[in-house]
Protein backbone atom coordinates (compact mmCIF):
# COMPACT_ATOMS: atom_id res chain seq x y z
CA MET A 1 -0.05 0.02 0.00
CA LEU A 2 1.06 3.75 -0.80
CA GLU A 3 0.95 4.45 3.00
CA LYS A 4 3.70 2.03 4.04
CA LEU A 5 6.18 3.80 1.42
CA LEU A 6 5.34 7.30 3.16
CA SER A 7 6.37 8.76 6.46
CA GLY A 8 3.31 9.49 8.77
CA GLY A 9 0.21 7.71 8.29
CA LYS A 10 -3.13 9.36 9.49
CA LEU A 11 -2.69 12.52 7.27
CA GLU A 12 -1.83 10.28 4.35
CA LYS A 13 -4.97 8.22 4.77
CA LYS A 14 -7.10 11.29 5.21
CA THR A 15 -5.54 13.02 2.07
CA LEU A 16 -6.25 9.87 0.00
CA GLU A 17 -9.79 9.57 1.29
CA LEU A 18 -10.48 13.39 0.30
CA ILE A 19 -8.93 12.85 -3.21
CA ARG A 20 -11.16 9.81 -3.52
CA LYS A 21 -14.09 11.63 -2.64
CA TYR A 22 -13.05 14.77 -4.72
CA LEU A 23 -12.89 12.41 -7.72
CA SER A 24 -16.32 10.86 -7.07
CA VAL A 25 -17.90 14.42 -6.97
CA LEU A 26 -16.19 15.20 -10.19
CA CYS A 27 -17.31 12.30 -12.02
CA ALA A 28 -20.68 13.03 -10.61
CA GLY A 29 -20.53 16.50 -12.08
CA THR A 30 -19.65 15.06 -15.54
CA GLU A 31 -22.41 12.85 -15.40
CA CYS A 32 -24.99 15.28 -14.23
CA PHE A 33 -23.82 17.59 -17.09
CA ASN A 34 -24.36 14.72 -19.56
CA SER A 35 -28.02 14.49 -18.32
CA VAL A 36 -28.35 18.00 -18.80
CA LEU A 37 -27.57 17.62 -22.51
CA ILE A 38 -29.60 14.48 -22.92
CA SER A 39 -32.62 15.95 -21.04
CA LYS A 40 -32.35 19.55 -22.89
CA SER A 41 -33.03 20.82 -19.36
CA LYS A 42 -31.42 24.12 -18.71
CA GLU A 43 -32.54 24.30 -15.11
CA LYS A 44 -30.68 21.00 -14.26
CA THR A 45 -27.41 22.77 -15.14
CA TYR A 46 -27.35 24.16 -11.62
CA CYS A 47 -26.47 20.74 -10.11
CA VAL A 48 -22.99 21.32 -11.71
CA GLU A 49 -22.64 24.48 -9.52
CA SER A 50 -23.60 22.60 -6.50
CA LEU A 51 -21.41 19.83 -6.96
CA GLU A 52 -18.35 22.48 -7.73
CA ARG A 53 -19.05 24.01 -4.24
CA GLU A 54 -19.00 20.56 -2.53
CA ALA A 55 -15.78 20.02 -4.46
CA ASP A 56 -14.18 23.29 -3.57
CA SER A 57 -14.75 22.64 0.15
CA ILE A 58 -13.38 19.11 -0.07
CA LYS A 59 -10.22 20.63 -2.17
CA ARG A 60 -9.56 23.18 0.63
CA GLU A 61 -9.50 20.24 3.24
CA ILE A 62 -6.97 18.40 1.03
CA ILE A 63 -4.59 21.46 0.54
CA SER A 64 -4.81 22.02 4.42
CA THR A 65 -3.99 18.45 5.23
CA ILE A 66 -1.19 18.31 2.87
CA TYR A 67 0.35 21.59 4.56
CA GLU A 68 -0.22 19.95 7.90
CA GLY A 69 2.43 17.61 6.88
CA ALA A 70 0.90 14.78 4.86
CA PHE A 71 3.40 13.05 2.51
CA LEU A 72 7.19 13.73 2.06
CA PRO A 73 8.14 17.15 0.73
CA TYR A 74 9.17 15.93 -2.63
CA ILE A 75 5.73 14.48 -3.22
CA ARG A 76 3.62 17.45 -2.21
CA PRO A 77 4.09 19.90 -5.24
CA ASN A 78 3.04 17.17 -7.61
CA LEU A 79 0.17 16.21 -5.55
CA CYS A 80 -0.99 19.88 -5.25
CA THR A 81 -0.76 20.25 -9.08
CA PHE A 82 -2.86 17.27 -9.47
CA ILE A 83 -5.79 18.51 -7.18
CA GLU A 84 -5.29 22.12 -9.24
CA ILE A 85 -5.88 20.50 -12.27
CA LEU A 86 -8.83 18.59 -11.13
CA GLU A 87 -10.24 21.96 -9.99
CA LYS A 88 -9.59 23.24 -13.56
CA VAL A 89 -11.78 20.57 -14.90
CA PHE A 90 -14.50 21.38 -12.66
CA ASP A 91 -14.26 25.11 -13.63
CA PHE A 92 -14.48 24.03 -17.25
CA LEU A 93 -17.44 21.99 -16.59
CA LYS A 94 -19.20 24.76 -14.67
CA HIS A 95 -18.64 27.49 -17.27
CA ALA A 96 -20.05 24.94 -19.89
CA ALA A 97 -23.14 24.54 -17.87
CA PHE A 98 -23.29 28.56 -17.56
CA GLU A 99 -22.96 29.01 -21.38
CA TYR A 100 -25.55 25.92 -22.04
CA ARG A 101 -28.24 28.25 -20.29
CA TYR A 102 -27.68 30.86 -23.02
CA LEU A 103 -27.54 28.72 -26.00
CA ASN A 104 -29.69 29.39 -29.09
CA PHE A 105 -30.98 25.83 -29.65
CA LYS A 106 -31.78 26.49 -33.19
CA ILE A 107 -28.01 26.90 -33.83
CA PHE A 108 -27.32 24.01 -31.22
CA ARG A 109 -29.33 21.50 -32.72
CA ASP A 110 -27.01 20.76 -35.55
CA VAL A 111 -24.16 19.97 -33.31
CA GLU A 112 -26.27 18.72 -30.38
CA GLU A 113 -25.46 14.98 -31.09
CA ASP A 114 -21.96 15.37 -31.32
CA CYS A 115 -21.73 17.31 -28.01
CA ILE A 116 -23.50 14.59 -26.51
CA LYS A 117 -20.90 12.21 -27.71
CA VAL A 118 -18.25 14.28 -26.22
CA SER A 119 -19.89 14.49 -22.76
CA LYS A 120 -20.17 10.66 -22.82
CA PHE A 121 -16.58 10.47 -23.40
CA ASN A 122 -15.68 13.22 -20.66
CA VAL A 123 -17.76 10.82 -18.05
CA GLU A 124 -15.94 7.83 -19.21
CA MET A 125 -12.39 9.55 -18.97
CA CYS A 126 -13.44 10.84 -15.39
CA LYS A 127 -14.10 7.24 -14.30
CA LEU A 128 -10.84 5.98 -15.83
CA LEU A 129 -9.17 8.88 -13.98
CA SER A 130 -10.60 7.62 -10.61
CA LYS A 131 -9.42 4.25 -11.39
CA ALA A 132 -6.12 5.28 -12.27
CA PHE A 133 -5.78 7.10 -8.81
CA GLU A 134 -6.73 3.73 -7.27
CA CYS A 135 -3.92 1.79 -9.40
CA LEU A 136 -1.50 4.52 -7.96
CA ILE A 137 -2.44 3.28 -4.48
CA VAL A 138 -2.34 -0.27 -4.49
CA LYS A 139 0.55 -0.27 -6.85
CA ASP A 140 -1.36 -1.61 -9.79
CA ASN A 141 0.11 -0.67 -13.32
CA LEU A 142 -1.25 2.84 -14.67
CA ARG A 143 -0.61 2.33 -18.31
CA GLU A 144 -3.71 0.67 -19.28
CA LYS A 145 -5.92 3.44 -17.70
CA ASN A 146 -3.75 6.21 -19.27
CA LEU A 147 -3.78 4.73 -22.63
CA ALA A 148 -7.60 4.52 -22.64
CA ILE A 149 -7.75 8.16 -21.49
CA ARG A 150 -5.42 9.10 -24.27
CA ILE A 151 -7.74 7.31 -26.75
CA TYR A 152 -10.75 9.13 -25.53
CA GLU A 153 -9.22 12.43 -25.67
CA LYS A 154 -8.33 11.72 -29.38
CA LYS A 155 -11.72 10.70 -29.84
CA ILE A 156 -12.94 14.05 -28.69
CA ASP A 157 -10.31 16.02 -30.77
CA GLU A 158 -11.69 14.30 -33.83
CA LEU A 159 -15.18 15.33 -32.86
CA LYS A 160 -14.25 19.06 -32.07
CA PHE A 161 -13.12 19.30 -35.61
CA GLU A 162 -16.47 18.00 -36.98
CA ILE A 163 -18.30 20.16 -34.62
CA ILE A 164 -16.28 23.21 -35.72
CA GLU A 165 -16.66 22.35 -39.33
CA LYS A 166 -20.41 22.07 -38.93
CA LEU A 167 -20.59 25.46 -37.05
CA ARG A 168 -18.70 27.05 -40.00
CA ASN A 169 -21.48 26.26 -42.37
CA ILE A 170 -24.29 27.74 -40.24
CA HIS A 171 -25.32 31.37 -40.56
CA ILE A 172 -25.48 33.00 -37.53
CA GLU A 173 -26.74 36.67 -37.43
CA ASN A 174 -26.34 37.37 -33.65
CA PHE A 175 -22.91 37.99 -32.27
CA TRP A 176 -23.87 36.71 -28.89
CA ASP A 177 -25.30 33.65 -30.13
CA GLY A 178 -21.97 32.88 -31.93
CA LYS A 179 -20.00 33.60 -28.96
CA VAL A 180 -22.02 31.62 -26.43
CA ILE A 181 -21.77 28.58 -28.60
CA SER A 182 -18.12 29.02 -29.37
CA ASN A 183 -17.14 29.12 -25.65
CA PHE A 184 -19.58 26.23 -24.82
CA ILE A 185 -17.84 23.99 -27.40
CA ASP A 186 -14.48 25.25 -26.03
CA TYR A 187 -15.14 24.36 -22.50
CA LEU A 188 -16.88 21.01 -23.31
CA THR A 189 -14.07 19.71 -25.52
CA ASN A 190 -11.21 20.90 -23.47
CA LEU A 191 -12.27 19.07 -20.49
CA SER A 192 -10.44 16.05 -22.03
CA ASP A 193 -7.07 17.63 -22.27
CA LEU A 194 -7.16 18.59 -18.49
CA ILE A 195 -8.17 15.02 -17.54
CA GLU A 196 -5.18 13.69 -19.71
CA ASP A 197 -2.90 16.26 -17.95
CA ALA A 198 -4.27 14.93 -14.72
CA SER A 199 -3.40 11.37 -15.51
CA ASP A 200 0.04 12.37 -16.79
CA TYR A 201 0.67 13.72 -13.06
CA LEU A 202 -0.47 10.50 -11.70
CA SER A 203 2.08 8.67 -13.75
CA ILE A 204 4.67 11.29 -12.12
CA LEU A 205 3.46 10.45 -8.81
CA TYR A 206 3.68 6.75 -9.48
CA LEU A 207 7.25 6.84 -10.62
CA SER A 208 8.04 8.99 -7.47
CA LEU A 209 6.64 6.49 -5.04
CA HIS A 210 7.34 2.95 -6.50
């Protein structure tokens, strides 16, 4: 177990449990947002903000526990960076939910199906990231999970290109309609880049611990 490789004990165990909890809330956020797209309910977008506030509270506790002395000093910076990346994932998810409320659905319907696919891939990537974190703890091989995350990220890149090509062929009269859907697509599709970055930091942590 990871705890046996590190000094201390209680603080490390507490931090690991908090990170597990954070990842669980993050995955719930991606699933919530996916249900928003499927149900076409703008009202449901507020569940993302609620989960983001919960995650922010967990993040503060994680950072506080680390600075109380959890983990060896050379591990702490990478662990904090990992948490910061997860926070950015939630930020992007929250921004995507916000932009969704102002979408012009007459424009959005032409790319809606592709956006739902992207959202589903984001859900799967988050689940894989959570499993990868468990691999870090039990000294299991991260390679399979990281490879799967990269494959999903590549699929999302391809979908992003298709979405942009479709939008280029749509006549948009209102500047704000164009800006909102552009912002929405950026936040939705760039989530995967951040999740991939988080998985890379897990690999760095794995190498430093084992």
